[in-house]
Amino acid sequence: MAHILVVEDERPINQLICRSLSLVGHLCEPAYSGQEARACSEEKAFDLAILDVMLPDTDGFALYSLIKPIPAIFVTARGALTDRLKGLNMGADDYIVKPFEMQELLARVNAVLRRSGKLTERFSLDDTEVDLAARSVSVRGEPVELTPQEFALLEALIQNRNIALSREQILSIAWGMDYFGDDRTVDVHIQKLRKKLLWDKRIKTVYKLGYRLETRP
């Protein structure tokens, strides 16, 4: 779990980001202005800041210079190359342009947290233990062999836990953007994971959409 500062003046977007990050286990602190964000950064320690570039009282670039060295991802509607380069040259870890899919933001958050050593690489649920770094799985203390594709699917479910993913999203995350096969292959691999990990009640089928790894009681 990481402590993340979310700085976005549009409340619905801020709330959506916080809710999505909270679902996968992170603790979020919303801020709706540069002044509020700076006060939060002075009072609390954060593992990551998600910064909107266009704020009502300042811009994300100026704010970032005040709250560094917190790792940061800029979020903005301004997609010009000069803006992206400005943020990255200031030392920001990533830059994402609106509109974006929430799964893309989650993946970028995971990547930044992994690079900064803040991402937990071990995951436990019921009798199943997963070491993402070692790419190993055990159930009730016994090792379980997964194919590379099964592990990629498992990693996608874990990183997006408690969030419903469509079959198309799962294919994009776990199989790659260049996969052109039948999305029914997702169903086949889901059934294999359910059986191998004893997760019949944990990997939920989302009607007419796809699947969700449910970690909540």
Protein backbone atom coordinates (compact mmCIF):
# COMPACT_ATOMS: atom_id res chain seq x y z
CA MET A 1 0.00 0.00 0.00
CA ALA A 2 1.27 3.47 -0.91
CA HIS A 3 0.25 6.88 0.42
CA ILE A 4 -0.67 8.99 -2.63
CA LEU A 5 -1.42 12.70 -2.91
CA VAL A 6 -3.99 13.37 -5.67
CA VAL A 7 -4.00 17.00 -6.80
CA GLU A 8 -6.86 17.70 -9.21
CA ASP A 9 -9.28 20.62 -9.03
CA GLU A 10 -12.12 18.85 -10.86
CA ARG A 11 -13.79 17.02 -7.98
CA PRO A 12 -15.40 14.18 -10.01
CA ILE A 13 -12.02 13.32 -11.57
CA ASN A 14 -10.23 13.60 -8.23
CA GLN A 15 -12.81 11.36 -6.57
CA LEU A 16 -12.63 8.81 -9.40
CA ILE A 17 -8.84 8.61 -9.17
CA CYS A 18 -8.92 8.29 -5.37
CA ARG A 19 -11.65 5.66 -5.46
CA SER A 20 -9.83 3.58 -8.08
CA LEU A 21 -6.51 3.75 -6.24
CA SER A 22 -8.23 2.91 -2.94
CA LEU A 23 -9.84 -0.17 -4.48
CA VAL A 24 -6.41 -1.63 -5.25
CA GLY A 25 -5.19 -0.93 -1.72
CA HIS A 26 -3.62 2.53 -1.74
CA LEU A 27 -4.32 5.33 0.74
CA CYS A 28 -5.22 8.58 -1.03
CA GLU A 29 -5.25 12.20 0.09
CA PRO A 30 -7.25 14.49 -2.23
CA ALA A 31 -6.26 18.13 -2.78
CA TYR A 32 -8.09 20.58 -5.03
CA SER A 33 -5.60 23.44 -5.26
CA GLY A 34 -1.88 24.06 -5.13
CA GLN A 35 -2.15 25.68 -1.72
CA GLU A 36 -4.03 22.72 -0.29
CA ALA A 37 -1.56 20.28 -1.84
CA ARG A 38 1.43 22.12 -0.44
CA ALA A 39 -0.11 22.13 3.05
CA CYS A 40 -0.74 18.38 2.80
CA SER A 41 2.83 17.69 1.69
CA GLU A 42 4.19 19.65 4.67
CA GLU A 43 2.02 17.76 7.16
CA LYS A 44 2.26 14.22 5.81
CA ALA A 45 4.71 11.95 4.00
CA PHE A 46 3.68 10.67 0.58
CA ASP A 47 5.06 7.93 -1.64
CA LEU A 48 3.69 9.49 -4.83
CA ALA A 49 1.93 12.64 -6.05
CA ILE A 50 -0.48 12.74 -8.99
CA LEU A 51 -0.50 16.35 -10.14
CA ASP A 52 -2.88 18.14 -12.48
CA VAL A 53 -0.91 20.73 -14.44
CA MET A 54 -3.75 23.28 -14.65
CA LEU A 55 -4.80 24.24 -11.13
CA PRO A 56 -6.87 27.32 -10.13
CA ASP A 57 -4.12 29.01 -8.11
CA THR A 58 -0.92 27.71 -9.72
CA ASP A 59 0.26 25.07 -12.17
CA GLY A 60 1.50 21.58 -11.45
CA PHE A 61 5.02 22.41 -12.60
CA ALA A 62 5.40 25.21 -10.05
CA LEU A 63 3.79 23.06 -7.37
CA TYR A 64 6.12 20.16 -8.09
CA SER A 65 9.17 22.36 -7.58
CA LEU A 66 7.86 23.06 -4.05
CA ILE A 67 6.99 19.52 -2.98
CA LYS A 68 9.91 17.57 -4.44
CA PRO A 69 11.42 15.01 -3.93
CA ILE A 70 8.08 13.15 -3.92
CA PRO A 71 7.84 10.93 -7.02
CA ALA A 72 5.23 12.45 -9.32
CA ILE A 73 2.98 11.75 -12.28
CA PHE A 74 1.62 14.78 -14.14
CA VAL A 75 -1.98 14.53 -15.37
CA THR A 76 -3.19 17.12 -17.85
CA ALA A 77 -5.26 17.87 -20.92
CA ARG A 78 -2.22 19.55 -22.45
CA GLY A 79 -0.50 16.95 -24.58
CA ALA A 80 2.07 19.17 -26.31
CA LEU A 81 5.55 17.68 -26.47
CA THR A 82 7.03 20.79 -24.85
CA ASP A 83 4.76 20.34 -21.81
CA ARG A 84 5.64 16.66 -21.48
CA LEU A 85 9.34 17.38 -21.77
CA LYS A 86 9.11 20.20 -19.23
CA GLY A 87 7.57 17.90 -16.64
CA LEU A 88 10.00 15.07 -17.28
CA ASN A 89 13.01 17.38 -17.32
CA MET A 90 11.95 18.69 -13.91
CA GLY A 91 12.35 15.17 -12.59
CA ALA A 92 8.76 13.93 -12.74
CA ASP A 93 8.45 10.17 -13.15
CA ASP A 94 5.66 10.07 -15.73
CA TYR A 95 3.14 12.14 -17.68
CA ILE A 96 -0.37 11.08 -18.71
CA VAL A 97 -2.75 13.05 -20.95
CA LYS A 98 -6.51 13.36 -20.41
CA PRO A 99 -8.71 11.60 -21.24
CA PHE A 100 -7.18 8.33 -20.06
CA GLU A 101 -8.34 4.88 -19.06
CA MET A 102 -8.12 4.28 -15.32
CA GLN A 103 -6.26 1.02 -15.95
CA GLU A 104 -3.56 3.02 -17.73
CA LEU A 105 -3.16 5.31 -14.73
CA LEU A 106 -3.03 2.33 -12.36
CA ALA A 107 -0.34 0.71 -14.49
CA ARG A 108 1.72 3.91 -14.50
CA VAL A 109 1.30 4.29 -10.74
CA ASN A 110 2.50 0.71 -10.25
CA ALA A 111 5.49 1.32 -12.49
CA VAL A 112 6.56 4.45 -10.59
CA LEU A 113 6.06 2.80 -7.20
CA ARG A 114 8.05 -0.22 -8.36
CA ARG A 115 10.95 1.94 -9.50
CA SER A 116 10.95 3.84 -6.20
CA GLY A 117 10.78 0.63 -4.17
CA LYS A 118 7.35 1.47 -2.71
CA LEU A 119 5.35 -1.27 -4.41
CA THR A 120 4.64 -4.42 -2.43
CA GLU A 121 5.79 -7.37 -4.51
CA ARG A 122 4.04 -10.02 -2.43
CA PHE A 123 0.32 -10.66 -2.49
CA SER A 124 -1.68 -12.98 -0.24
CA LEU A 125 -5.32 -13.99 -0.49
CA ASP A 126 -6.90 -16.89 1.39
CA ASP A 127 -4.50 -19.85 0.95
CA THR A 128 -2.69 -18.38 -2.04
CA GLU A 129 0.66 -16.57 -1.87
CA VAL A 130 2.06 -14.72 -4.89
CA ASP A 131 5.56 -13.30 -5.22
CA LEU A 132 5.35 -10.95 -8.20
CA ALA A 133 9.09 -10.27 -8.30
CA ALA A 134 10.05 -13.94 -8.23
CA ARG A 135 7.02 -14.89 -10.35
CA SER A 136 6.18 -17.72 -7.99
CA VAL A 137 2.87 -18.95 -6.58
CA SER A 138 1.98 -21.30 -3.75
CA VAL A 139 -1.33 -22.61 -2.46
CA ARG A 140 -1.49 -23.97 1.08
CA GLY A 141 2.29 -23.92 1.15
CA GLU A 142 2.70 -25.99 -1.99
CA PRO A 143 4.19 -24.48 -5.18
CA VAL A 144 1.82 -24.10 -8.12
CA GLU A 145 3.09 -24.03 -11.68
CA LEU A 146 1.63 -21.35 -13.92
CA THR A 147 2.38 -20.79 -17.58
CA PRO A 148 3.84 -17.37 -18.47
CA GLN A 149 0.44 -16.33 -19.85
CA GLU A 150 -1.41 -17.51 -16.76
CA PHE A 151 0.97 -15.52 -14.58
CA ALA A 152 0.53 -12.42 -16.76
CA LEU A 153 -3.23 -12.76 -16.31
CA LEU A 154 -2.83 -13.24 -12.56
CA GLU A 155 -0.64 -10.14 -12.31
CA ALA A 156 -3.23 -8.10 -14.23
CA LEU A 157 -5.99 -9.22 -11.87
CA ILE A 158 -3.90 -8.48 -8.77
CA GLN A 159 -2.84 -5.02 -9.93
CA ASN A 160 -6.47 -4.17 -10.75
CA ARG A 161 -8.06 -6.01 -7.84
CA ASN A 162 -11.62 -5.07 -6.89
CA ILE A 163 -12.02 -3.37 -10.28
CA ALA A 164 -14.15 -4.90 -13.03
CA LEU A 165 -12.16 -5.47 -16.20
CA SER A 166 -13.66 -6.20 -19.58
CA ARG A 167 -12.27 -9.07 -21.62
CA GLU A 168 -10.82 -6.51 -24.02
CA GLN A 169 -9.02 -4.71 -21.18
CA ILE A 170 -7.66 -8.00 -19.85
CA LEU A 171 -6.38 -8.93 -23.29
CA SER A 172 -4.70 -5.55 -23.66
CA ILE A 173 -3.03 -5.73 -20.23
CA ALA A 174 -2.10 -9.41 -20.05
CA TRP A 175 -1.72 -10.37 -23.71
CA GLY A 176 -0.56 -7.08 -25.18
CA MET A 177 -1.97 -4.49 -27.56
CA ASP A 178 -0.98 -6.54 -30.62
CA TYR A 179 -3.09 -9.59 -29.68
CA PHE A 180 -5.79 -10.27 -32.27
CA GLY A 181 -7.14 -13.61 -31.09
CA ASP A 182 -10.57 -14.55 -29.76
CA ASP A 183 -11.39 -12.93 -26.42
CA ARG A 184 -12.83 -16.28 -25.29
CA THR A 185 -9.25 -17.26 -24.53
CA VAL A 186 -9.64 -15.06 -21.44
CA ASP A 187 -12.48 -17.29 -20.21
CA VAL A 188 -10.32 -20.40 -20.65
CA HIS A 189 -7.40 -18.93 -18.71
CA ILE A 190 -9.69 -17.58 -15.98
CA GLN A 191 -11.07 -21.07 -15.42
CA LYS A 192 -7.55 -22.46 -15.14
CA LEU A 193 -6.58 -19.83 -12.55
CA ARG A 194 -9.73 -20.44 -10.53
CA LYS A 195 -8.92 -24.13 -10.35
CA LYS A 196 -5.19 -23.84 -9.66
CA LEU A 197 -5.47 -21.09 -7.02
CA LEU A 198 -8.75 -22.22 -5.40
CA TRP A 199 -10.26 -18.86 -6.29
CA ASP A 200 -13.69 -19.96 -7.51
CA LYS A 201 -15.30 -17.40 -5.22
CA ARG A 202 -12.62 -14.76 -5.62
CA ILE A 203 -12.50 -14.28 -9.39
CA LYS A 204 -15.98 -12.96 -10.02
CA THR A 205 -17.72 -13.01 -13.38
CA VAL A 206 -19.07 -9.54 -14.19
CA TYR A 207 -22.20 -10.04 -16.29
CA LYS A 208 -21.76 -8.99 -19.93
CA LEU A 209 -18.37 -7.44 -19.19
CA GLY A 210 -15.55 -9.61 -17.89
CA TYR A 211 -14.02 -10.41 -14.51
CA ARG A 212 -12.99 -8.94 -11.16
CA LEU A 213 -10.61 -10.27 -8.52
CA GLU A 214 -12.52 -9.66 -5.28
CA THR A 215 -10.28 -9.28 -2.24
CA ARG A 216 -12.76 -7.66 0.12
CA PRO A 217 -14.67 -9.81 2.67
